[in-house]
Amino acid sequence: MTKEVCVVLPALNEERTIGLVIDEIPKEEMERRGYRINVMVVNNGSTDKTEEIAREKGAQVVVEPRRGKGMAIRAGFEAADCDFVFMLDSDHTYPAVHITEMLTALEDGYDVVMGSRLKGQMVDGAMTSLNRVGNRLLALMTNVLYGTRISDPCTGCWGFRAEVVKKLRLEARGFDIEVNMLTEIARNGYRITEIPIGYRKRRTRPKLNSLRDGFRIGKMLIRRRFRPR
């Protein structure tokens, strides 16, 4: 029986990059390994040609008008009907070629695989010094509070077994969605691994506010650690 992979791409006004991301997904290699591939673009209220380009590239489009990366990812996860689910930012900063390596880790028995920018090769200028420090602090908080051993809690490159995705109780609406996923995964004892990945400079203006969103993420880490199950 053929298994299916779903690649969820949350997108808000990414007309300059969405086509590049879709083209870079290693569909042929995964098909050679016996998988059907469904690329799902979640249009999160775009006012440009993001949706039009996604359809031209053959992607399934899910419309989530409620703004926020968390809302887009939650909509994509709800719509995904497959064996393995991958989530990737649509700004072309994360090389989609890493999906095959992540798929291997899931086939080997891990429940969740994260792409670590801090263990991989970053293009000069792809991440500010402030964001590097913030990511390391948030990783330390996560590991102390949840007993994990991860280096990049805010990565936008993830892979999951589908049954894990369906059991995640997600509430985040914005950029704290990654930490929301991570805390759910850790609290439920799922097996997590990381692989080193590349990271490129954004071609468009960042949507994340480092200080505001970093503070919100830190609050979520603490709040969810002591919340009753």
N, C-alpha and C. Protein backbone atom coordinates (compact mmCIF):
# COMPACT_ATOMS: atom_id res chain seq x y z
N MET A 1 0.85 -1.21 0.00
CA MET A 1 0.00 0.00 0.00
C MET A 1 0.88 1.24 0.00
N THR A 2 0.61 2.17 -0.92
CA THR A 2 1.41 3.38 -1.04
C THR A 2 1.15 4.32 0.14
N LYS A 3 2.22 4.81 0.73
CA LYS A 3 2.09 5.77 1.81
C LYS A 3 2.12 7.19 1.24
N GLU A 4 1.62 8.14 2.04
CA GLU A 4 1.54 9.53 1.56
C GLU A 4 2.25 10.48 2.51
N VAL A 5 2.92 11.44 1.90
CA VAL A 5 3.59 12.52 2.61
C VAL A 5 2.87 13.81 2.30
N CYS A 6 2.61 14.60 3.34
CA CYS A 6 2.00 15.92 3.15
C CYS A 6 2.98 16.98 3.63
N VAL A 7 3.24 17.96 2.76
CA VAL A 7 4.12 19.08 3.10
C VAL A 7 3.26 20.33 3.26
N VAL A 8 3.14 20.81 4.50
CA VAL A 8 2.31 21.97 4.82
C VAL A 8 3.16 23.23 4.77
N LEU A 9 2.71 24.20 3.97
CA LEU A 9 3.44 25.46 3.80
C LEU A 9 2.54 26.63 4.21
N PRO A 10 2.64 27.11 5.45
CA PRO A 10 1.87 28.30 5.84
C PRO A 10 2.40 29.52 5.09
N ALA A 11 1.51 30.32 4.53
CA ALA A 11 1.99 31.40 3.67
C ALA A 11 1.15 32.66 3.82
N LEU A 12 1.83 33.78 4.03
CA LEU A 12 1.20 35.09 4.04
C LEU A 12 2.03 36.02 3.16
N ASN A 13 1.48 36.35 1.99
CA ASN A 13 2.14 37.26 1.05
C ASN A 13 3.57 36.81 0.72
N GLU A 14 3.66 35.59 0.20
CA GLU A 14 4.97 35.02 -0.16
C GLU A 14 5.06 34.76 -1.66
N GLU A 15 4.51 35.68 -2.47
CA GLU A 15 4.52 35.45 -3.91
C GLU A 15 5.94 35.37 -4.49
N ARG A 16 6.90 36.00 -3.86
CA ARG A 16 8.27 35.98 -4.37
C ARG A 16 8.98 34.65 -4.12
N THR A 17 8.49 33.88 -3.16
CA THR A 17 9.22 32.67 -2.76
C THR A 17 8.43 31.38 -2.79
N ILE A 18 7.11 31.43 -2.78
CA ILE A 18 6.32 30.20 -2.64
C ILE A 18 6.61 29.22 -3.77
N GLY A 19 6.76 29.73 -4.99
CA GLY A 19 7.07 28.85 -6.12
C GLY A 19 8.43 28.19 -5.99
N LEU A 20 9.41 28.93 -5.46
CA LEU A 20 10.75 28.38 -5.25
C LEU A 20 10.71 27.24 -4.24
N VAL A 21 9.94 27.44 -3.17
CA VAL A 21 9.84 26.41 -2.13
C VAL A 21 9.18 25.15 -2.69
N ILE A 22 8.09 25.30 -3.40
CA ILE A 22 7.39 24.15 -3.97
C ILE A 22 8.30 23.40 -4.94
N ASP A 23 9.01 24.13 -5.81
CA ASP A 23 9.90 23.50 -6.79
C ASP A 23 11.04 22.74 -6.11
N GLU A 24 11.45 23.18 -4.93
CA GLU A 24 12.60 22.58 -4.25
C GLU A 24 12.24 21.31 -3.47
N ILE A 25 10.97 21.10 -3.22
CA ILE A 25 10.56 19.88 -2.49
C ILE A 25 10.97 18.65 -3.31
N PRO A 26 11.70 17.72 -2.71
CA PRO A 26 12.25 16.57 -3.45
C PRO A 26 11.19 15.51 -3.76
N LYS A 27 10.24 15.88 -4.59
CA LYS A 27 9.12 14.99 -4.88
C LYS A 27 9.57 13.70 -5.56
N GLU A 28 10.44 13.82 -6.57
CA GLU A 28 10.83 12.64 -7.33
C GLU A 28 11.54 11.62 -6.45
N GLU A 29 12.41 12.10 -5.57
CA GLU A 29 13.13 11.18 -4.69
C GLU A 29 12.18 10.45 -3.75
N MET A 30 11.20 11.19 -3.20
CA MET A 30 10.25 10.55 -2.30
C MET A 30 9.34 9.59 -3.06
N GLU A 31 9.00 9.92 -4.30
CA GLU A 31 8.19 9.01 -5.11
C GLU A 31 8.96 7.74 -5.41
N ARG A 32 10.27 7.85 -5.64
CA ARG A 32 11.09 6.65 -5.86
C ARG A 32 11.11 5.76 -4.62
N ARG A 33 10.92 6.39 -3.47
CA ARG A 33 10.88 5.62 -2.22
C ARG A 33 9.49 5.08 -1.92
N GLY A 34 8.55 5.31 -2.84
CA GLY A 34 7.23 4.71 -2.73
C GLY A 34 6.15 5.58 -2.10
N TYR A 35 6.37 6.89 -2.06
CA TYR A 35 5.42 7.80 -1.43
C TYR A 35 4.68 8.65 -2.46
N ARG A 36 3.40 8.92 -2.17
CA ARG A 36 2.67 9.97 -2.88
C ARG A 36 2.93 11.28 -2.14
N ILE A 37 3.02 12.38 -2.87
CA ILE A 37 3.35 13.66 -2.27
C ILE A 37 2.20 14.63 -2.46
N ASN A 38 1.74 15.23 -1.35
CA ASN A 38 0.73 16.28 -1.41
C ASN A 38 1.33 17.55 -0.82
N VAL A 39 1.48 18.57 -1.65
CA VAL A 39 1.97 19.87 -1.17
C VAL A 39 0.76 20.74 -0.87
N MET A 40 0.66 21.19 0.37
CA MET A 40 -0.50 21.96 0.82
C MET A 40 -0.06 23.36 1.25
N VAL A 41 -0.50 24.37 0.53
CA VAL A 41 -0.22 25.76 0.88
C VAL A 41 -1.41 26.30 1.65
N VAL A 42 -1.16 26.79 2.86
CA VAL A 42 -2.23 27.39 3.65
C VAL A 42 -2.15 28.90 3.47
N ASN A 43 -3.09 29.44 2.71
CA ASN A 43 -3.11 30.87 2.44
C ASN A 43 -3.70 31.59 3.64
N ASN A 44 -2.85 32.34 4.34
CA ASN A 44 -3.24 32.97 5.61
C ASN A 44 -3.63 34.44 5.41
N GLY A 45 -4.51 34.69 4.43
CA GLY A 45 -4.99 36.04 4.20
C GLY A 45 -4.11 36.85 3.27
N SER A 46 -3.41 36.19 2.35
CA SER A 46 -2.52 36.90 1.43
C SER A 46 -3.30 37.85 0.53
N THR A 47 -2.68 38.98 0.23
CA THR A 47 -3.28 39.96 -0.67
C THR A 47 -2.50 40.05 -1.98
N ASP A 48 -1.51 39.16 -2.15
CA ASP A 48 -0.72 39.15 -3.38
C ASP A 48 -1.06 37.89 -4.18
N LYS A 49 -0.14 37.39 -4.99
CA LYS A 49 -0.41 36.26 -5.87
C LYS A 49 0.04 34.91 -5.28
N THR A 50 0.21 34.85 -3.97
CA THR A 50 0.64 33.60 -3.34
C THR A 50 -0.24 32.43 -3.73
N GLU A 51 -1.56 32.57 -3.58
CA GLU A 51 -2.47 31.47 -3.86
C GLU A 51 -2.45 31.10 -5.34
N GLU A 52 -2.42 32.10 -6.20
CA GLU A 52 -2.41 31.84 -7.64
C GLU A 52 -1.17 31.05 -8.05
N ILE A 53 -0.03 31.43 -7.53
CA ILE A 53 1.22 30.74 -7.87
C ILE A 53 1.21 29.31 -7.32
N ALA A 54 0.71 29.15 -6.10
CA ALA A 54 0.63 27.81 -5.50
C ALA A 54 -0.22 26.88 -6.35
N ARG A 55 -1.35 27.36 -6.83
CA ARG A 55 -2.22 26.53 -7.66
C ARG A 55 -1.54 26.21 -8.99
N GLU A 56 -0.86 27.18 -9.57
CA GLU A 56 -0.14 26.95 -10.83
C GLU A 56 0.93 25.87 -10.67
N LYS A 57 1.50 25.78 -9.46
CA LYS A 57 2.54 24.79 -9.19
C LYS A 57 1.95 23.42 -8.81
N GLY A 58 0.63 23.32 -8.80
CA GLY A 58 -0.01 22.04 -8.52
C GLY A 58 -0.27 21.76 -7.05
N ALA A 59 -0.11 22.77 -6.19
CA ALA A 59 -0.33 22.56 -4.76
C ALA A 59 -1.81 22.63 -4.41
N GLN A 60 -2.19 21.89 -3.39
CA GLN A 60 -3.51 22.05 -2.78
C GLN A 60 -3.49 23.33 -1.96
N VAL A 61 -4.54 24.12 -2.05
CA VAL A 61 -4.61 25.37 -1.29
C VAL A 61 -5.70 25.27 -0.24
N VAL A 62 -5.34 25.54 1.01
CA VAL A 62 -6.29 25.64 2.11
C VAL A 62 -6.32 27.11 2.52
N VAL A 63 -7.50 27.68 2.63
CA VAL A 63 -7.64 29.09 2.98
C VAL A 63 -7.94 29.21 4.47
N GLU A 64 -7.09 29.94 5.18
CA GLU A 64 -7.30 30.24 6.61
C GLU A 64 -7.23 31.75 6.77
N PRO A 65 -8.39 32.43 6.75
CA PRO A 65 -8.40 33.89 6.78
C PRO A 65 -8.00 34.51 8.12
N ARG A 66 -8.07 33.71 9.20
CA ARG A 66 -7.68 34.25 10.51
C ARG A 66 -6.17 34.37 10.55
N ARG A 67 -5.69 35.60 10.66
CA ARG A 67 -4.26 35.85 10.56
C ARG A 67 -3.48 35.24 11.71
N GLY A 68 -2.25 34.84 11.42
CA GLY A 68 -1.35 34.29 12.42
C GLY A 68 -0.77 32.97 11.95
N LYS A 69 0.56 32.82 12.10
CA LYS A 69 1.21 31.58 11.66
C LYS A 69 0.62 30.38 12.37
N GLY A 70 0.31 30.54 13.65
CA GLY A 70 -0.28 29.43 14.40
C GLY A 70 -1.60 28.99 13.81
N MET A 71 -2.43 29.93 13.42
CA MET A 71 -3.72 29.60 12.83
C MET A 71 -3.53 28.85 11.51
N ALA A 72 -2.54 29.30 10.72
CA ALA A 72 -2.29 28.66 9.42
C ALA A 72 -1.82 27.22 9.61
N ILE A 73 -0.89 27.01 10.53
CA ILE A 73 -0.37 25.66 10.75
C ILE A 73 -1.46 24.75 11.30
N ARG A 74 -2.25 25.24 12.21
CA ARG A 74 -3.33 24.43 12.77
C ARG A 74 -4.32 24.02 11.68
N ALA A 75 -4.62 24.94 10.77
CA ALA A 75 -5.53 24.62 9.66
C ALA A 75 -4.91 23.57 8.75
N GLY A 76 -3.61 23.69 8.49
CA GLY A 76 -2.94 22.71 7.64
C GLY A 76 -2.91 21.34 8.27
N PHE A 77 -2.62 21.28 9.55
CA PHE A 77 -2.58 19.99 10.25
C PHE A 77 -3.96 19.33 10.25
N GLU A 78 -4.98 20.14 10.43
CA GLU A 78 -6.34 19.59 10.45
C GLU A 78 -6.71 19.00 9.09
N ALA A 79 -6.23 19.63 8.02
CA ALA A 79 -6.59 19.19 6.67
C ALA A 79 -5.71 18.04 6.18
N ALA A 80 -4.56 17.82 6.81
CA ALA A 80 -3.62 16.80 6.34
C ALA A 80 -4.17 15.40 6.58
N ASP A 81 -4.17 14.58 5.53
CA ASP A 81 -4.64 13.20 5.61
C ASP A 81 -3.58 12.33 4.94
N CYS A 82 -2.61 11.87 5.74
CA CYS A 82 -1.45 11.20 5.17
C CYS A 82 -0.75 10.40 6.27
N ASP A 83 0.42 9.85 5.94
CA ASP A 83 1.18 9.06 6.91
C ASP A 83 2.24 9.89 7.62
N PHE A 84 2.85 10.84 6.91
CA PHE A 84 3.87 11.70 7.49
C PHE A 84 3.58 13.14 7.09
N VAL A 85 3.74 14.05 8.04
CA VAL A 85 3.45 15.47 7.80
C VAL A 85 4.72 16.27 8.03
N PHE A 86 5.03 17.15 7.07
CA PHE A 86 6.15 18.07 7.21
C PHE A 86 5.62 19.49 7.17
N MET A 87 6.24 20.34 7.96
CA MET A 87 5.88 21.76 7.96
C MET A 87 7.13 22.58 7.68
N LEU A 88 7.00 23.51 6.74
CA LEU A 88 8.14 24.30 6.30
C LEU A 88 7.68 25.73 6.07
N ASP A 89 8.48 26.69 6.52
CA ASP A 89 8.16 28.09 6.22
C ASP A 89 8.21 28.32 4.71
N SER A 90 7.45 29.28 4.24
CA SER A 90 7.31 29.54 2.80
C SER A 90 8.20 30.66 2.29
N ASP A 91 9.17 31.10 3.10
CA ASP A 91 10.00 32.24 2.71
C ASP A 91 11.31 31.83 2.06
N HIS A 92 11.50 30.52 1.79
CA HIS A 92 12.68 30.00 1.10
C HIS A 92 13.95 30.10 1.95
N THR A 93 13.81 30.25 3.25
CA THR A 93 15.00 30.27 4.11
C THR A 93 15.44 28.85 4.47
N TYR A 94 14.50 27.91 4.50
CA TYR A 94 14.80 26.53 4.85
C TYR A 94 14.87 25.67 3.59
N PRO A 95 16.01 25.05 3.27
CA PRO A 95 16.09 24.20 2.08
C PRO A 95 15.19 22.98 2.20
N ALA A 96 14.26 22.85 1.28
CA ALA A 96 13.29 21.75 1.33
C ALA A 96 13.94 20.39 1.09
N VAL A 97 15.18 20.37 0.58
CA VAL A 97 15.85 19.10 0.31
C VAL A 97 16.05 18.27 1.58
N HIS A 98 16.01 18.93 2.74
CA HIS A 98 16.21 18.20 4.00
C HIS A 98 15.04 17.27 4.33
N ILE A 99 13.92 17.42 3.62
CA ILE A 99 12.74 16.61 3.93
C ILE A 99 13.05 15.12 3.81
N THR A 100 13.86 14.72 2.83
CA THR A 100 14.14 13.29 2.66
C THR A 100 14.90 12.72 3.85
N GLU A 101 15.85 13.48 4.37
CA GLU A 101 16.60 13.03 5.55
C GLU A 101 15.69 12.96 6.77
N MET A 102 14.77 13.92 6.87
CA MET A 102 13.82 13.91 7.98
C MET A 102 12.88 12.72 7.87
N LEU A 103 12.48 12.39 6.65
CA LEU A 103 11.61 11.24 6.43
C LEU A 103 12.29 9.95 6.87
N THR A 104 13.59 9.84 6.60
CA THR A 104 14.34 8.66 7.03
C THR A 104 14.31 8.52 8.55
N ALA A 105 14.47 9.64 9.26
CA ALA A 105 14.44 9.60 10.73
C ALA A 105 13.08 9.12 11.23
N LEU A 106 12.01 9.56 10.58
CA LEU A 106 10.67 9.12 10.98
C LEU A 106 10.48 7.63 10.67
N GLU A 107 10.98 7.19 9.52
CA GLU A 107 10.90 5.77 9.18
C GLU A 107 11.67 4.91 10.19
N ASP A 108 12.73 5.49 10.75
CA ASP A 108 13.56 4.76 11.72
C ASP A 108 12.93 4.68 13.11
N GLY A 109 11.77 5.32 13.30
CA GLY A 109 11.06 5.17 14.55
C GLY A 109 10.86 6.42 15.38
N TYR A 110 11.45 7.54 14.97
CA TYR A 110 11.20 8.77 15.71
C TYR A 110 9.79 9.28 15.42
N ASP A 111 9.19 9.93 16.41
CA ASP A 111 7.85 10.49 16.24
C ASP A 111 7.90 11.88 15.62
N VAL A 112 8.94 12.63 15.95
CA VAL A 112 9.09 14.01 15.51
C VAL A 112 10.54 14.26 15.16
N VAL A 113 10.77 14.99 14.08
CA VAL A 113 12.13 15.40 13.72
C VAL A 113 12.13 16.90 13.46
N MET A 114 13.12 17.59 14.04
CA MET A 114 13.24 19.04 13.90
C MET A 114 14.51 19.36 13.12
N GLY A 115 14.44 20.36 12.26
CA GLY A 115 15.62 20.83 11.55
C GLY A 115 16.29 21.92 12.36
N SER A 116 17.54 21.71 12.76
CA SER A 116 18.26 22.68 13.59
C SER A 116 19.15 23.57 12.74
N ARG A 117 18.83 24.86 12.74
CA ARG A 117 19.67 25.84 12.05
C ARG A 117 20.98 26.04 12.78
N LEU A 118 20.94 25.93 14.11
CA LEU A 118 22.12 26.21 14.93
C LEU A 118 23.14 25.08 14.87
N LYS A 119 22.73 23.89 14.42
CA LYS A 119 23.68 22.79 14.22
C LYS A 119 24.13 22.69 12.77
N GLY A 120 23.46 23.44 11.88
CA GLY A 120 23.77 23.35 10.46
C GLY A 120 24.58 24.54 9.96
N GLN A 121 24.51 24.76 8.65
CA GLN A 121 25.26 25.84 8.00
C GLN A 121 24.31 26.99 7.67
N MET A 122 24.56 28.14 8.28
CA MET A 122 23.76 29.33 8.01
C MET A 122 24.52 30.27 7.08
N VAL A 123 23.81 30.82 6.13
CA VAL A 123 24.39 31.87 5.28
C VAL A 123 24.68 33.09 6.14
N ASP A 124 25.79 33.76 5.87
CA ASP A 124 26.12 34.97 6.63
C ASP A 124 24.97 35.97 6.56
N GLY A 125 24.56 36.46 7.72
CA GLY A 125 23.48 37.43 7.78
C GLY A 125 22.09 36.84 7.81
N ALA A 126 21.97 35.50 7.78
CA ALA A 126 20.65 34.88 7.76
C ALA A 126 19.94 35.02 9.10
N MET A 127 20.71 35.09 10.19
CA MET A 127 20.12 35.25 11.52
C MET A 127 20.91 36.32 12.27
N THR A 128 20.21 37.25 12.89
CA THR A 128 20.89 38.32 13.63
C THR A 128 21.51 37.76 14.91
N SER A 129 22.44 38.50 15.45
CA SER A 129 23.06 38.10 16.72
C SER A 129 22.02 38.02 17.83
N LEU A 130 21.07 38.97 17.82
CA LEU A 130 20.01 38.96 18.83
C LEU A 130 19.19 37.68 18.74
N ASN A 131 18.84 37.28 17.52
CA ASN A 131 18.05 36.06 17.36
C ASN A 131 18.84 34.81 17.73
N ARG A 132 20.13 34.81 17.46
CA ARG A 132 20.96 33.67 17.87
C ARG A 132 20.94 33.52 19.40
N VAL A 133 21.19 34.63 20.08
CA VAL A 133 21.20 34.59 21.54
C VAL A 133 19.83 34.18 22.07
N GLY A 134 18.78 34.77 21.50
CA GLY A 134 17.43 34.44 21.94
C GLY A 134 17.11 32.97 21.75
N ASN A 135 17.49 32.41 20.61
CA ASN A 135 17.24 30.99 20.36
C ASN A 135 17.97 30.10 21.35
N ARG A 136 19.20 30.46 21.67
CA ARG A 136 19.97 29.65 22.61
C ARG A 136 19.36 29.71 24.02
N LEU A 137 18.90 30.90 24.40
CA LEU A 137 18.26 31.03 25.71
C LEU A 137 16.95 30.23 25.78
N LEU A 138 16.17 30.31 24.71
CA LEU A 138 14.91 29.57 24.68
C LEU A 138 15.16 28.06 24.65
N ALA A 139 16.23 27.63 23.97
CA ALA A 139 16.58 26.22 23.97
C ALA A 139 16.97 25.76 25.37
N LEU A 140 17.75 26.59 26.08
CA LEU A 140 18.13 26.25 27.45
C LEU A 140 16.90 26.14 28.34
N MET A 141 15.99 27.11 28.23
CA MET A 141 14.76 27.05 29.01
C MET A 141 13.98 25.78 28.72
N THR A 142 13.85 25.45 27.45
CA THR A 142 13.09 24.26 27.05
C THR A 142 13.71 23.00 27.64
N ASN A 143 15.02 22.89 27.51
CA ASN A 143 15.69 21.68 27.97
C ASN A 143 15.63 21.53 29.49
N VAL A 144 15.72 22.63 30.22
CA VAL A 144 15.64 22.58 31.67
C VAL A 144 14.21 22.25 32.12
N LEU A 145 13.24 22.91 31.49
CA LEU A 145 11.85 22.73 31.92
C LEU A 145 11.24 21.40 31.50
N TYR A 146 11.65 20.91 30.32
CA TYR A 146 10.96 19.75 29.74
C TYR A 146 11.86 18.51 29.60
N GLY A 147 13.13 18.63 29.97
CA GLY A 147 14.01 17.48 29.90
C GLY A 147 14.37 17.06 28.49
N THR A 148 14.27 17.98 27.53
CA THR A 148 14.61 17.69 26.14
C THR A 148 16.09 17.99 25.90
N ARG A 149 16.53 17.67 24.69
CA ARG A 149 17.90 17.98 24.29
C ARG A 149 17.88 18.57 22.88
N ILE A 150 17.26 19.72 22.77
CA ILE A 150 17.12 20.34 21.45
C ILE A 150 17.90 21.65 21.43
N SER A 151 18.25 22.10 20.23
CA SER A 151 19.08 23.30 20.09
C SER A 151 18.35 24.47 19.44
N ASP A 152 17.22 24.21 18.76
CA ASP A 152 16.57 25.26 17.97
C ASP A 152 15.05 25.16 18.10
N PRO A 153 14.51 25.58 19.24
CA PRO A 153 13.07 25.41 19.48
C PRO A 153 12.18 26.21 18.54
N CYS A 154 12.74 27.24 17.90
CA CYS A 154 11.92 28.11 17.05
C CYS A 154 12.09 27.81 15.56
N THR A 155 12.64 26.64 15.25
CA THR A 155 12.82 26.28 13.85
C THR A 155 11.48 26.24 13.10
N GLY A 156 11.54 26.54 11.81
CA GLY A 156 10.36 26.46 10.97
C GLY A 156 10.41 25.28 10.03
N CYS A 157 11.10 24.21 10.46
CA CYS A 157 11.27 23.01 9.64
C CYS A 157 11.03 21.78 10.52
N TRP A 158 9.90 21.11 10.32
CA TRP A 158 9.48 20.00 11.19
C TRP A 158 8.97 18.82 10.37
N GLY A 159 9.10 17.61 10.97
CA GLY A 159 8.48 16.43 10.40
C GLY A 159 7.81 15.63 11.51
N PHE A 160 6.67 15.02 11.20
CA PHE A 160 5.88 14.30 12.20
C PHE A 160 5.30 13.01 11.62
N ARG A 161 5.15 12.02 12.46
CA ARG A 161 4.21 10.95 12.14
C ARG A 161 2.80 11.54 12.23
N ALA A 162 1.93 11.15 11.33
CA ALA A 162 0.62 11.78 11.26
C ALA A 162 -0.19 11.62 12.54
N GLU A 163 -0.04 10.48 13.22
CA GLU A 163 -0.82 10.27 14.43
C GLU A 163 -0.42 11.24 15.54
N VAL A 164 0.82 11.72 15.50
CA VAL A 164 1.26 12.71 16.48
C VAL A 164 0.56 14.05 16.22
N VAL A 165 0.56 14.46 14.97
CA VAL A 165 -0.08 15.73 14.59
C VAL A 165 -1.53 15.78 15.06
N LYS A 166 -2.24 14.68 14.87
CA LYS A 166 -3.66 14.66 15.20
C LYS A 166 -3.92 14.73 16.71
N LYS A 167 -2.90 14.40 17.51
CA LYS A 167 -3.09 14.41 18.96
C LYS A 167 -2.58 15.68 19.63
N LEU A 168 -1.94 16.56 18.87
CA LEU A 168 -1.43 17.80 19.45
C LEU A 168 -2.58 18.75 19.77
N ARG A 169 -2.59 19.24 20.99
CA ARG A 169 -3.62 20.21 21.40
C ARG A 169 -2.98 21.61 21.30
N LEU A 170 -3.17 22.24 20.16
CA LEU A 170 -2.50 23.51 19.88
C LEU A 170 -3.44 24.68 20.10
N GLU A 171 -2.89 25.75 20.68
CA GLU A 171 -3.68 26.94 20.97
C GLU A 171 -3.05 28.22 20.45
N ALA A 172 -1.77 28.17 20.08
CA ALA A 172 -1.06 29.37 19.64
C ALA A 172 -1.63 29.89 18.33
N ARG A 173 -1.68 31.20 18.22
CA ARG A 173 -2.19 31.83 17.01
C ARG A 173 -1.07 32.44 16.16
N GLY A 174 0.08 32.71 16.79
CA GLY A 174 1.14 33.42 16.09
C GLY A 174 2.44 32.65 16.03
N PHE A 175 3.56 33.38 16.22
CA PHE A 175 4.88 32.78 16.06
C PHE A 175 5.29 31.91 17.25
N ASP A 176 4.46 31.83 18.26
CA ASP A 176 4.74 30.92 19.36
C ASP A 176 4.25 29.50 19.06
N ILE A 177 3.80 29.25 17.84
CA ILE A 177 3.25 27.95 17.49
C ILE A 177 4.30 26.84 17.59
N GLU A 178 5.57 27.13 17.21
CA GLU A 178 6.60 26.10 17.27
C GLU A 178 6.82 25.62 18.70
N VAL A 179 6.89 26.56 19.63
CA VAL A 179 7.08 26.18 21.02
C VAL A 179 5.82 25.51 21.58
N ASN A 180 4.66 25.90 21.11
CA ASN A 180 3.42 25.22 21.47
C ASN A 180 3.48 23.75 21.06
N MET A 181 3.95 23.51 19.81
CA MET A 181 4.10 22.14 19.35
C MET A 181 5.12 21.39 20.20
N LEU A 182 6.25 22.03 20.45
CA LEU A 182 7.33 21.36 21.18
C LEU A 182 6.93 20.99 22.60
N THR A 183 6.22 21.90 23.29
CA THR A 183 5.81 21.59 24.66
C THR A 183 4.80 20.44 24.68
N GLU A 184 3.90 20.41 23.71
CA GLU A 184 2.95 19.31 23.62
C GLU A 184 3.67 17.98 23.38
N ILE A 185 4.65 18.02 22.48
CA ILE A 185 5.40 16.82 22.14
C ILE A 185 6.16 16.31 23.36
N ALA A 186 6.84 17.22 24.06
CA ALA A 186 7.64 16.83 25.22
C ALA A 186 6.76 16.30 26.36
N ARG A 187 5.65 16.98 26.62
CA ARG A 187 4.77 16.58 27.72
C ARG A 187 4.13 15.20 27.47
N ASN A 188 4.00 14.84 26.19
CA ASN A 188 3.39 13.55 25.86
C ASN A 188 4.42 12.45 25.63
N GLY A 189 5.69 12.77 25.80
CA GLY A 189 6.73 11.73 25.75
C GLY A 189 7.05 11.20 24.37
N TYR A 190 6.76 11.96 23.32
CA TYR A 190 7.10 11.50 21.97
C TYR A 190 8.61 11.55 21.75
N ARG A 191 9.11 10.66 20.91
CA ARG A 191 10.54 10.59 20.61
C ARG A 191 10.91 11.68 19.61
N ILE A 192 11.82 12.57 20.01
CA ILE A 192 12.23 13.71 19.19
C ILE A 192 13.69 13.55 18.79
N THR A 193 14.01 13.91 17.57
CA THR A 193 15.41 14.03 17.16
C THR A 193 15.57 15.30 16.33
N GLU A 194 16.81 15.73 16.15
CA GLU A 194 17.14 16.89 15.33
C GLU A 194 18.11 16.47 14.24
N ILE A 195 18.04 17.15 13.10
CA ILE A 195 19.07 17.01 12.08
C ILE A 195 19.60 18.41 11.76
N PRO A 196 20.89 18.55 11.44
CA PRO A 196 21.41 19.86 11.03
C PRO A 196 20.85 20.24 9.67
N ILE A 197 20.46 21.50 9.52
CA ILE A 197 19.94 21.97 8.23
C ILE A 197 20.61 23.29 7.86
N GLY A 198 20.51 23.63 6.59
CA GLY A 198 20.97 24.93 6.13
C GLY A 198 19.93 26.00 6.43
N TYR A 199 20.36 27.25 6.34
CA TYR A 199 19.43 28.36 6.58
C TYR A 199 19.90 29.55 5.74
N ARG A 200 18.96 30.11 4.95
CA ARG A 200 19.29 31.18 4.01
C ARG A 200 18.70 32.52 4.47
N LYS A 201 19.19 33.59 3.91
CA LYS A 201 18.66 34.92 4.20
C LYS A 201 17.28 35.06 3.57
N ARG A 202 16.42 35.77 4.29
CA ARG A 202 15.08 36.06 3.76
C ARG A 202 15.18 36.99 2.56
N ARG A 203 14.30 36.77 1.59
CA ARG A 203 14.19 37.65 0.43
C ARG A 203 13.18 38.77 0.67
N THR A 204 12.37 38.60 1.72
CA THR A 204 11.33 39.57 2.02
C THR A 204 11.47 40.05 3.46
N ARG A 205 10.71 41.05 3.82
CA ARG A 205 10.79 41.63 5.15
C ARG A 205 10.30 40.64 6.21
N PRO A 206 11.05 40.48 7.33
CA PRO A 206 10.62 39.55 8.38
C PRO A 206 9.28 39.96 8.98
N LYS A 207 8.47 38.96 9.33
CA LYS A 207 7.19 39.23 9.98
C LYS A 207 7.29 39.09 11.50
N LEU A 208 8.37 38.46 11.97
CA LEU A 208 8.55 38.22 13.40
C LEU A 208 9.20 39.42 14.06
N ASN A 209 8.69 39.79 15.24
CA ASN A 209 9.30 40.82 16.08
C ASN A 209 10.10 40.09 17.17
N SER A 210 11.44 40.19 17.08
CA SER A 210 12.30 39.35 17.92
C SER A 210 12.01 39.49 19.41
N LEU A 211 11.93 40.72 19.90
CA LEU A 211 11.74 40.92 21.34
C LEU A 211 10.34 40.56 21.79
N ARG A 212 9.34 41.08 21.09
CA ARG A 212 7.95 40.82 21.47
C ARG A 212 7.62 39.34 21.39
N ASP A 213 7.95 38.72 20.26
CA ASP A 213 7.60 37.31 20.08
C ASP A 213 8.47 36.41 20.95
N GLY A 214 9.74 36.81 21.17
CA GLY A 214 10.59 36.03 22.06
C GLY A 214 10.05 36.01 23.48
N PHE A 215 9.56 37.15 23.95
CA PHE A 215 8.97 37.23 25.29
C PHE A 215 7.72 36.35 25.38
N ARG A 216 6.90 36.39 24.34
CA ARG A 216 5.68 35.58 24.32
C ARG A 216 6.01 34.09 24.35
N ILE A 217 7.05 33.70 23.62
CA ILE A 217 7.46 32.30 23.58
C ILE A 217 7.97 31.85 24.95
N GLY A 218 8.78 32.70 25.59
CA GLY A 218 9.26 32.37 26.93
C GLY A 218 8.13 32.18 27.92
N LYS A 219 7.14 33.05 27.85
CA LYS A 219 5.98 32.93 28.74
C LYS A 219 5.25 31.61 28.52
N MET A 220 5.11 31.22 27.25
CA MET A 220 4.41 29.98 26.95
C MET A 220 5.18 28.78 27.49
N LEU A 221 6.50 28.80 27.38
CA LEU A 221 7.31 27.70 27.91
C LEU A 221 7.04 27.49 29.40
N ILE A 222 7.04 28.57 30.15
CA ILE A 222 6.84 28.48 31.60
C ILE A 222 5.40 28.10 31.93
N ARG A 223 4.46 28.78 31.28
CA ARG A 223 3.04 28.55 31.60
C ARG A 223 2.62 27.12 31.32
N ARG A 224 3.04 26.57 30.18
CA ARG A 224 2.61 25.23 29.81
C ARG A 224 3.32 24.15 30.61
N ARG A 225 4.51 24.46 31.13
CA ARG A 225 5.22 23.45 31.92
C ARG A 225 4.46 23.13 33.22
N PHE A 226 3.81 24.13 33.78
CA PHE A 226 3.15 23.93 35.07
C PHE A 226 1.64 23.82 34.95
N ARG A 227 1.14 23.72 33.75
CA ARG A 227 -0.30 23.54 33.54
C ARG A 227 -0.65 22.06 33.76
N PRO A 228 -1.72 21.77 34.49
CA PRO A 228 -2.16 20.37 34.67
C PRO A 228 -2.49 19.75 33.33
N ARG A 229 -2.24 18.47 33.18
CA ARG A 229 -2.56 17.78 31.93
C ARG A 229 -4.05 17.56 31.81
